Amino acid sequence: MAKLYVEMISIDDMMVFTKVVETQSFTKAAEQLGIGKARVSQIVTKLEQGLNTRLLHRATRSLSLTDTGVRYCKKCQMIHDLAIQANTKVQ
């Protein structure tokens, strides 16, 4: 039976994904976020499973976005920018 809805995905998890893309590294993203590399990897894997699609091509020493990953990352960055704008307007 097909899923009729997408499970709620954490905005924090989306931001972890964008940090991986920004730094082009699970290790660098983990360092900048102050969490373990294994946790970063788990979060991205959970996102891919929740979305039922591959977001990143992983190789031993490199990462690249899939076409879906490019589109998803752009939307995640828009959400990030909107959150900053919302918080700035209230302060």
PDB file of N, CA and C in Angstrom:
ATOM      1  N   MET A   1       0.839  -1.189   0.000  1.00  0.00           N
ATOM      2  CA  MET A   1       0.000   0.000   0.000  1.00  0.00           C
ATOM      3  C   MET A   1       0.878   1.245   0.000  1.00  0.00           C
ATOM      4  N   ALA A   2       0.597   2.182  -0.864  1.00  0.00           N
ATOM      5  CA  ALA A   2       1.379   3.417  -0.988  1.00  0.00           C
ATOM      6  C   ALA A   2       1.089   4.350   0.172  1.00  0.00           C
ATOM      7  N   LYS A   3       2.119   5.090   0.566  1.00  0.00           N
ATOM      8  CA  LYS A   3       1.926   6.097   1.608  1.00  0.00           C
ATOM      9  C   LYS A   3       1.067   7.221   1.061  1.00  0.00           C
ATOM     10  N   LEU A   4       0.099   7.629   1.837  1.00  0.00           N
ATOM     11  CA  LEU A   4      -0.764   8.724   1.419  1.00  0.00           C
ATOM     12  C   LEU A   4      -0.295  10.060   1.958  1.00  0.00           C
ATOM     13  N   TYR A   5       0.706  10.026   2.818  1.00  0.00           N
ATOM     14  CA  TYR A   5       1.231  11.255   3.389  1.00  0.00           C
ATOM     15  C   TYR A   5       2.726  11.083   3.625  1.00  0.00           C
ATOM     16  N   VAL A   6       3.402  12.192   3.709  1.00  0.00           N
ATOM     17  CA  VAL A   6       4.817  12.170   4.038  1.00  0.00           C
ATOM     18  C   VAL A   6       4.927  12.434   5.525  1.00  0.00           C
ATOM     19  N   GLU A   7       5.669  11.574   6.233  1.00  0.00           N
ATOM     20  CA  GLU A   7       5.883  11.814   7.658  1.00  0.00           C
ATOM     21  C   GLU A   7       6.482  13.192   7.847  1.00  0.00           C
ATOM     22  N   MET A   8       6.131  13.817   8.959  1.00  0.00           N
ATOM     23  CA  MET A   8       6.664  15.136   9.255  1.00  0.00           C
ATOM     24  C   MET A   8       8.175  15.028   9.402  1.00  0.00           C
ATOM     25  N   ILE A   9       8.865  15.801   8.634  1.00  0.00           N
ATOM     26  CA  ILE A   9      10.326  15.815   8.669  1.00  0.00           C
ATOM     27  C   ILE A   9      10.755  17.038   9.455  1.00  0.00           C
ATOM     28  N   SER A  10      11.694  16.823  10.343  1.00  0.00           N
ATOM     29  CA  SER A  10      12.188  17.880  11.207  1.00  0.00           C
ATOM     30  C   SER A  10      12.930  18.952  10.404  1.00  0.00           C
ATOM     31  N   ILE A  11      12.624  20.203  10.705  1.00  0.00           N
ATOM     32  CA  ILE A  11      13.359  21.307  10.077  1.00  0.00           C
ATOM     33  C   ILE A  11      14.826  21.232  10.472  1.00  0.00           C
ATOM     34  N   ASP A  12      15.104  20.814  11.700  1.00  0.00           N
ATOM     35  CA  ASP A  12      16.500  20.657  12.127  1.00  0.00           C
ATOM     36  C   ASP A  12      17.226  19.658  11.229  1.00  0.00           C
ATOM     37  N   ASP A  13      16.563  18.563  10.899  1.00  0.00           N
ATOM     38  CA  ASP A  13      17.172  17.561  10.019  1.00  0.00           C
ATOM     39  C   ASP A  13      17.412  18.131   8.626  1.00  0.00           C
ATOM     40  N   MET A  14      16.479  18.933   8.163  1.00  0.00           N
ATOM     41  CA  MET A  14      16.643  19.580   6.858  1.00  0.00           C
ATOM     42  C   MET A  14      17.855  20.511   6.875  1.00  0.00           C
ATOM     43  N   MET A  15      18.070  21.191   7.992  1.00  0.00           N
ATOM     44  CA  MET A  15      19.195  22.113   8.110  1.00  0.00           C
ATOM     45  C   MET A  15      20.524  21.358   8.203  1.00  0.00           C
ATOM     46  N   VAL A  16      20.496  20.181   8.808  1.00  0.00           N
ATOM     47  CA  VAL A  16      21.698  19.343   8.825  1.00  0.00           C
ATOM     48  C   VAL A  16      22.052  18.956   7.394  1.00  0.00           C
ATOM     49  N   PHE A  17      21.058  18.565   6.621  1.00  0.00           N
ATOM     50  CA  PHE A  17      21.286  18.219   5.219  1.00  0.00           C
ATOM     51  C   PHE A  17      21.895  19.397   4.454  1.00  0.00           C
ATOM     52  N   THR A  18      21.360  20.595   4.647  1.00  0.00           N
ATOM     53  CA  THR A  18      21.910  21.756   3.925  1.00  0.00           C
ATOM     54  C   THR A  18      23.332  22.058   4.360  1.00  0.00           C
ATOM     55  N   LYS A  19      23.666  21.789   5.627  1.00  0.00           N
ATOM     56  CA  LYS A  19      25.038  22.001   6.102  1.00  0.00           C
ATOM     57  C   LYS A  19      25.986  21.011   5.439  1.00  0.00           C
ATOM     58  N   VAL A  20      25.537  19.772   5.252  1.00  0.00           N
ATOM     59  CA  VAL A  20      26.349  18.778   4.549  1.00  0.00           C
ATOM     60  C   VAL A  20      26.606  19.249   3.119  1.00  0.00           C
ATOM     61  N   VAL A  21      25.569  19.754   2.475  1.00  0.00           N
ATOM     62  CA  VAL A  21      25.714  20.238   1.105  1.00  0.00           C
ATOM     63  C   VAL A  21      26.652  21.446   1.067  1.00  0.00           C
ATOM     64  N   GLU A  22      26.449  22.378   1.983  1.00  0.00           N
ATOM     65  CA  GLU A  22      27.268  23.596   2.038  1.00  0.00           C
ATOM     66  C   GLU A  22      28.745  23.265   2.233  1.00  0.00           C
ATOM     67  N   THR A  23      29.040  22.336   3.126  1.00  0.00           N
ATOM     68  CA  THR A  23      30.432  22.008   3.434  1.00  0.00           C
ATOM     69  C   THR A  23      30.995  20.912   2.538  1.00  0.00           C
ATOM     70  N   GLN A  24      30.117  20.234   1.802  1.00  0.00           N
ATOM     71  CA  GLN A  24      30.500  19.101   0.954  1.00  0.00           C
ATOM     72  C   GLN A  24      31.175  17.985   1.755  1.00  0.00           C
ATOM     73  N   SER A  25      30.761  17.862   3.034  1.00  0.00           N
ATOM     74  CA  SER A  25      31.412  16.890   3.900  1.00  0.00           C
ATOM     75  C   SER A  25      30.548  16.587   5.117  1.00  0.00           C
ATOM     76  N   PHE A  26      30.410  15.297   5.416  1.00  0.00           N
ATOM     77  CA  PHE A  26      29.723  14.906   6.640  1.00  0.00           C
ATOM     78  C   PHE A  26      30.557  15.321   7.850  1.00  0.00           C
ATOM     79  N   THR A  27      31.867  15.155   7.742  1.00  0.00           N
ATOM     80  CA  THR A  27      32.769  15.476   8.849  1.00  0.00           C
ATOM     81  C   THR A  27      32.749  16.962   9.166  1.00  0.00           C
ATOM     82  N   LYS A  28      32.887  17.805   8.141  1.00  0.00           N
ATOM     83  CA  LYS A  28      32.888  19.260   8.357  1.00  0.00           C
ATOM     84  C   LYS A  28      31.535  19.738   8.875  1.00  0.00           C
ATOM     85  N   ALA A  29      30.472  19.176   8.342  1.00  0.00           N
ATOM     86  CA  ALA A  29      29.130  19.542   8.822  1.00  0.00           C
ATOM     87  C   ALA A  29      28.999  19.192  10.298  1.00  0.00           C
ATOM     88  N   ALA A  30      29.455  18.007  10.671  1.00  0.00           N
ATOM     89  CA  ALA A  30      29.373  17.568  12.065  1.00  0.00           C
ATOM     90  C   ALA A  30      30.164  18.505  12.972  1.00  0.00           C
ATOM     91  N   GLU A  31      31.360  18.876  12.545  1.00  0.00           N
ATOM     92  CA  GLU A  31      32.188  19.786  13.343  1.00  0.00           C
ATOM     93  C   GLU A  31      31.500  21.133  13.523  1.00  0.00           C
ATOM     94  N   GLN A  32      30.969  21.687  12.445  1.00  0.00           N
ATOM     95  CA  GLN A  32      30.330  22.999  12.513  1.00  0.00           C
ATOM     96  C   GLN A  32      29.043  22.966  13.331  1.00  0.00           C
ATOM     97  N   LEU A  33      28.357  21.838  13.315  1.00  0.00           N
ATOM     98  CA  LEU A  33      27.098  21.710  14.059  1.00  0.00           C
ATOM     99  C   LEU A  33      27.308  21.234  15.496  1.00  0.00           C
ATOM    100  N   GLY A  34      28.506  20.768  15.794  1.00  0.00           N
ATOM    101  CA  GLY A  34      28.794  20.297  17.137  1.00  0.00           C
ATOM    102  C   GLY A  34      28.147  18.962  17.480  1.00  0.00           C
ATOM    103  N   ILE A  35      27.985  18.120  16.456  1.00  0.00           N
ATOM    104  CA  ILE A  35      27.436  16.782  16.674  1.00  0.00           C
ATOM    105  C   ILE A  35      28.356  15.774  15.999  1.00  0.00           C
ATOM    106  N   GLY A  36      28.145  14.509  16.269  1.00  0.00           N
ATOM    107  CA  GLY A  36      28.997  13.473  15.707  1.00  0.00           C
ATOM    108  C   GLY A  36      28.740  13.229  14.229  1.00  0.00           C
ATOM    109  N   LYS A  37      29.787  12.808  13.540  1.00  0.00           N
ATOM    110  CA  LYS A  37      29.677  12.489  12.110  1.00  0.00           C
ATOM    111  C   LYS A  37      28.654  11.375  11.874  1.00  0.00           C
ATOM    112  N   ALA A  38      28.655  10.389  12.763  1.00  0.00           N
ATOM    113  CA  ALA A  38      27.701   9.278  12.616  1.00  0.00           C
ATOM    114  C   ALA A  38      26.266   9.790  12.708  1.00  0.00           C
ATOM    115  N   ARG A  39      26.030  10.750  13.589  1.00  0.00           N
ATOM    116  CA  ARG A  39      24.682  11.316  13.738  1.00  0.00           C
ATOM    117  C   ARG A  39      24.273  12.064  12.476  1.00  0.00           C
ATOM    118  N   VAL A  40      25.197  12.818  11.899  1.00  0.00           N
ATOM    119  CA  VAL A  40      24.905  13.530  10.650  1.00  0.00           C
ATOM    120  C   VAL A  40      24.522  12.534   9.563  1.00  0.00           C
ATOM    121  N   SER A  41      25.277  11.470   9.459  1.00  0.00           N
ATOM    122  CA  SER A  41      24.992  10.435   8.466  1.00  0.00           C
ATOM    123  C   SER A  41      23.623   9.807   8.706  1.00  0.00           C
ATOM    124  N   GLN A  42      23.290   9.539   9.972  1.00  0.00           N
ATOM    125  CA  GLN A  42      21.984   8.973  10.312  1.00  0.00           C
ATOM    126  C   GLN A  42      20.851   9.908   9.905  1.00  0.00           C
ATOM    127  N   ILE A  43      21.043  11.187  10.145  1.00  0.00           N
ATOM    128  CA  ILE A  43      20.005  12.176   9.816  1.00  0.00           C
ATOM    129  C   ILE A  43      19.756  12.214   8.313  1.00  0.00           C
ATOM    130  N   VAL A  44      20.817  12.249   7.527  1.00  0.00           N
ATOM    131  CA  VAL A  44      20.656  12.299   6.067  1.00  0.00           C
ATOM    132  C   VAL A  44      20.016  11.013   5.566  1.00  0.00           C
ATOM    133  N   THR A  45      20.442   9.886   6.111  1.00  0.00           N
ATOM    134  CA  THR A  45      19.842   8.604   5.720  1.00  0.00           C
ATOM    135  C   THR A  45      18.353   8.585   6.065  1.00  0.00           C
ATOM    136  N   LYS A  46      18.007   9.088   7.263  1.00  0.00           N
ATOM    137  CA  LYS A  46      16.595   9.142   7.683  1.00  0.00           C
ATOM    138  C   LYS A  46      15.784  10.039   6.739  1.00  0.00           C
ATOM    139  N   LEU A  47      16.361  11.162   6.334  1.00  0.00           N
ATOM    140  CA  LEU A  47      15.679  12.041   5.373  1.00  0.00           C
ATOM    141  C   LEU A  47      15.411  11.295   4.068  1.00  0.00           C
ATOM    142  N   GLU A  48      16.442  10.634   3.558  1.00  0.00           N
ATOM    143  CA  GLU A  48      16.283   9.910   2.295  1.00  0.00           C
ATOM    144  C   GLU A  48      15.232   8.816   2.421  1.00  0.00           C
ATOM    145  N   GLN A  49      15.217   8.127   3.547  1.00  0.00           N
ATOM    146  CA  GLN A  49      14.212   7.084   3.743  1.00  0.00           C
ATOM    147  C   GLN A  49      12.812   7.683   3.860  1.00  0.00           C
ATOM    148  N   GLY A  50      12.703   8.787   4.607  1.00  0.00           N
ATOM    149  CA  GLY A  50      11.408   9.439   4.772  1.00  0.00           C
ATOM    150  C   GLY A  50      10.848   9.993   3.478  1.00  0.00           C
ATOM    151  N   LEU A  51      11.749  10.465   2.621  1.00  0.00           N
ATOM    152  CA  LEU A  51      11.336  11.021   1.328  1.00  0.00           C
ATOM    153  C   LEU A  51      11.279   9.957   0.236  1.00  0.00           C
ATOM    154  N   ASN A  52      11.774   8.778   0.571  1.00  0.00           N
ATOM    155  CA  ASN A  52      11.807   7.659  -0.373  1.00  0.00           C
ATOM    156  C   ASN A  52      12.564   8.013  -1.655  1.00  0.00           C
ATOM    157  N   THR A  53      13.708   8.688  -1.472  1.00  0.00           N
ATOM    158  CA  THR A  53      14.535   9.053  -2.618  1.00  0.00           C
ATOM    159  C   THR A  53      15.962   9.298  -2.169  1.00  0.00           C
ATOM    160  N   ARG A  54      16.875   9.211  -3.081  1.00  0.00           N
ATOM    161  CA  ARG A  54      18.286   9.481  -2.817  1.00  0.00           C
ATOM    162  C   ARG A  54      18.533  10.970  -3.005  1.00  0.00           C
ATOM    163  N   LEU A  55      19.176  11.615  -2.026  1.00  0.00           N
ATOM    164  CA  LEU A  55      19.498  13.039  -2.117  1.00  0.00           C
ATOM    165  C   LEU A  55      20.958  13.276  -2.487  1.00  0.00           C
ATOM    166  N   LEU A  56      21.823  12.354  -2.059  1.00  0.00           N
ATOM    167  CA  LEU A  56      23.259  12.506  -2.283  1.00  0.00           C
ATOM    168  C   LEU A  56      23.852  11.262  -2.919  1.00  0.00           C
ATOM    169  N   HIS A  57      24.836  11.500  -3.787  1.00  0.00           N
ATOM    170  CA  HIS A  57      25.696  10.420  -4.267  1.00  0.00           C
ATOM    171  C   HIS A  57      26.904  10.456  -3.340  1.00  0.00           C
ATOM    172  N   ARG A  58      27.199   9.337  -2.694  1.00  0.00           N
ATOM    173  CA  ARG A  58      28.319   9.275  -1.764  1.00  0.00           C
ATOM    174  C   ARG A  58      29.438   8.458  -2.374  1.00  0.00           C
ATOM    175  N   ALA A  59      30.637   9.003  -2.357  1.00  0.00           N
ATOM    176  CA  ALA A  59      31.829   8.265  -2.748  1.00  0.00           C
ATOM    177  C   ALA A  59      32.818   8.388  -1.592  1.00  0.00           C
ATOM    178  N   THR A  60      33.895   7.654  -1.642  1.00  0.00           N
ATOM    179  CA  THR A  60      34.846   7.637  -0.534  1.00  0.00           C
ATOM    180  C   THR A  60      35.308   9.030  -0.145  1.00  0.00           C
ATOM    181  N   ARG A  61      35.617   9.842  -1.113  1.00  0.00           N
ATOM    182  CA  ARG A  61      36.155  11.164  -0.807  1.00  0.00           C
ATOM    183  C   ARG A  61      35.347  12.321  -1.380  1.00  0.00           C
ATOM    184  N   SER A  62      34.136  12.044  -1.820  1.00  0.00           N
ATOM    185  CA  SER A  62      33.347  13.138  -2.392  1.00  0.00           C
ATOM    186  C   SER A  62      31.851  12.899  -2.230  1.00  0.00           C
ATOM    187  N   LEU A  63      31.129  13.995  -2.299  1.00  0.00           N
ATOM    188  CA  LEU A  63      29.671  13.983  -2.267  1.00  0.00           C
ATOM    189  C   LEU A  63      29.171  14.793  -3.446  1.00  0.00           C
ATOM    190  N   SER A  64      28.061  14.386  -3.996  1.00  0.00           N
ATOM    191  CA  SER A  64      27.397  15.223  -4.992  1.00  0.00           C
ATOM    192  C   SER A  64      25.895  15.021  -4.838  1.00  0.00           C
ATOM    193  N   LEU A  65      25.171  16.043  -5.212  1.00  0.00           N
ATOM    194  CA  LEU A  65      23.716  15.999  -5.113  1.00  0.00           C
ATOM    195  C   LEU A  65      23.112  15.264  -6.297  1.00  0.00           C
ATOM    196  N   THR A  66      22.072  14.515  -6.039  1.00  0.00           N
ATOM    197  CA  THR A  66      21.258  13.974  -7.115  1.00  0.00           C
ATOM    198  C   THR A  66      20.405  15.137  -7.651  1.00  0.00           C
ATOM    199  N   ASP A  67      19.721  14.939  -8.742  1.00  0.00           N
ATOM    200  CA  ASP A  67      18.821  15.985  -9.253  1.00  0.00           C
ATOM    201  C   ASP A  67      17.754  16.315  -8.211  1.00  0.00           C
ATOM    202  N   THR A  68      17.224  15.284  -7.576  1.00  0.00           N
ATOM    203  CA  THR A  68      16.234  15.496  -6.519  1.00  0.00           C
ATOM    204  C   THR A  68      16.864  16.239  -5.352  1.00  0.00           C
ATOM    205  N   GLY A  69      18.095  15.891  -5.016  1.00  0.00           N
ATOM    206  CA  GLY A  69      18.820  16.552  -3.936  1.00  0.00           C
ATOM    207  C   GLY A  69      19.006  18.036  -4.188  1.00  0.00           C
ATOM    208  N   VAL A  70      19.265  18.398  -5.429  1.00  0.00           N
ATOM    209  CA  VAL A  70      19.411  19.816  -5.787  1.00  0.00           C
ATOM    210  C   VAL A  70      18.116  20.564  -5.518  1.00  0.00           C
ATOM    211  N   ARG A  71      17.005  20.000  -5.985  1.00  0.00           N
ATOM    212  CA  ARG A  71      15.706  20.652  -5.781  1.00  0.00           C
ATOM    213  C   ARG A  71      15.345  20.721  -4.301  1.00  0.00           C
ATOM    214  N   TYR A  72      15.583  19.639  -3.577  1.00  0.00           N
ATOM    215  CA  TYR A  72      15.253  19.598  -2.154  1.00  0.00           C
ATOM    216  C   TYR A  72      16.111  20.594  -1.377  1.00  0.00           C
ATOM    217  N   CYS A  73      17.383  20.672  -1.698  1.00  0.00           N
ATOM    218  CA  CYS A  73      18.282  21.590  -1.005  1.00  0.00           C
ATOM    219  C   CYS A  73      17.843  23.038  -1.205  1.00  0.00           C
ATOM    220  N   LYS A  74      17.437  23.379  -2.413  1.00  0.00           N
ATOM    221  CA  LYS A  74      16.956  24.746  -2.678  1.00  0.00           C
ATOM    222  C   LYS A  74      15.751  25.074  -1.799  1.00  0.00           C
ATOM    223  N   LYS A  75      14.837  24.129  -1.669  1.00  0.00           N
ATOM    224  CA  LYS A  75      13.652  24.354  -0.821  1.00  0.00           C
ATOM    225  C   LYS A  75      14.051  24.459   0.646  1.00  0.00           C
ATOM    226  N   CYS A  76      14.980  23.617   1.086  1.00  0.00           N
ATOM    227  CA  CYS A  76      15.453  23.686   2.473  1.00  0.00           C
ATOM    228  C   CYS A  76      16.100  25.036   2.758  1.00  0.00           C
ATOM    229  N   GLN A  77      16.879  25.540   1.806  1.00  0.00           N
ATOM    230  CA  GLN A  77      17.514  26.846   1.980  1.00  0.00           C
ATOM    231  C   GLN A  77      16.470  27.960   2.031  1.00  0.00           C
ATOM    232  N   MET A  78      15.399  27.829   1.250  1.00  0.00           N
ATOM    233  CA  MET A  78      14.317  28.815   1.304  1.00  0.00           C
ATOM    234  C   MET A  78      13.652  28.812   2.682  1.00  0.00           C
ATOM    235  N   ILE A  79      13.434  27.621   3.230  1.00  0.00           N
ATOM    236  CA  ILE A  79      12.841  27.504   4.557  1.00  0.00           C
ATOM    237  C   ILE A  79      13.759  28.138   5.598  1.00  0.00           C
ATOM    238  N   HIS A  80      15.042  27.889   5.492  1.00  0.00           N
ATOM    239  CA  HIS A  80      16.021  28.489   6.400  1.00  0.00           C
ATOM    240  C   HIS A  80      15.955  30.008   6.338  1.00  0.00           C
ATOM    241  N   ASP A  81      15.948  30.542   5.125  1.00  0.00           N
ATOM    242  CA  ASP A  81      15.896  31.997   4.946  1.00  0.00           C
ATOM    243  C   ASP A  81      14.601  32.583   5.513  1.00  0.00           C
ATOM    244  N   LEU A  82      13.482  31.909   5.301  1.00  0.00           N
ATOM    245  CA  LEU A  82      12.200  32.368   5.842  1.00  0.00           C
ATOM    246  C   LEU A  82      12.199  32.362   7.370  1.00  0.00           C
ATOM    247  N   ALA A  83      12.792  31.349   7.953  1.00  0.00           N
ATOM    248  CA  ALA A  83      12.866  31.272   9.423  1.00  0.00           C
ATOM    249  C   ALA A  83      13.693  32.425   9.973  1.00  0.00           C
ATOM    250  N   ILE A  84      14.801  32.732   9.323  1.00  0.00           N
ATOM    251  CA  ILE A  84      15.630  33.869   9.767  1.00  0.00           C
ATOM    252  C   ILE A  84      14.864  35.165   9.638  1.00  0.00           C
ATOM    253  N   GLN A  85      14.167  35.346   8.526  1.00  0.00           N
ATOM    254  CA  GLN A  85      13.368  36.556   8.332  1.00  0.00           C
ATOM    255  C   GLN A  85      12.287  36.669   9.404  1.00  0.00           C
ATOM    256  N   ALA A  86      11.609  35.587   9.690  1.00  0.00           N
ATOM    257  CA  ALA A  86      10.540  35.606  10.698  1.00  0.00           C
ATOM    258  C   ALA A  86      11.101  35.992  12.065  1.00  0.00           C
ATOM    259  N   ASN A  87      12.222  35.402  12.426  1.00  0.00           N
ATOM    260  CA  ASN A  87      12.824  35.702  13.728  1.00  0.00           C
ATOM    261  C   ASN A  87      13.340  37.130  13.799  1.00  0.00           C
ATOM    262  N   THR A  88      13.889  37.621  12.698  1.00  0.00           N
ATOM    263  CA  THR A  88      14.401  38.988  12.661  1.00  0.00           C
ATOM    264  C   THR A  88      13.275  40.000  12.788  1.00  0.00           C
ATOM    265  N   LYS A  89      12.143  39.749  12.143  1.00  0.00           N
ATOM    266  CA  LYS A  89      11.003  40.669  12.177  1.00  0.00           C
ATOM    267  C   LYS A  89      10.428  40.809  13.584  1.00  0.00           C
ATOM    268  N   VAL A  90      10.506  39.749  14.366  1.00  0.00           N
ATOM    269  CA  VAL A  90       9.917  39.761  15.698  1.00  0.00           C
ATOM    270  C   VAL A  90      10.834  40.418  16.715  1.00  0.00           C
ATOM    271  N   GLN A  91      12.107  40.364  16.479  1.00  0.00           N
ATOM    272  CA  GLN A  91      13.076  40.891  17.458  1.00  0.00           C
ATOM    273  C   GLN A  91      13.116  42.403  17.468  1.00  0.00           C
TER     274      GLN A  91
END
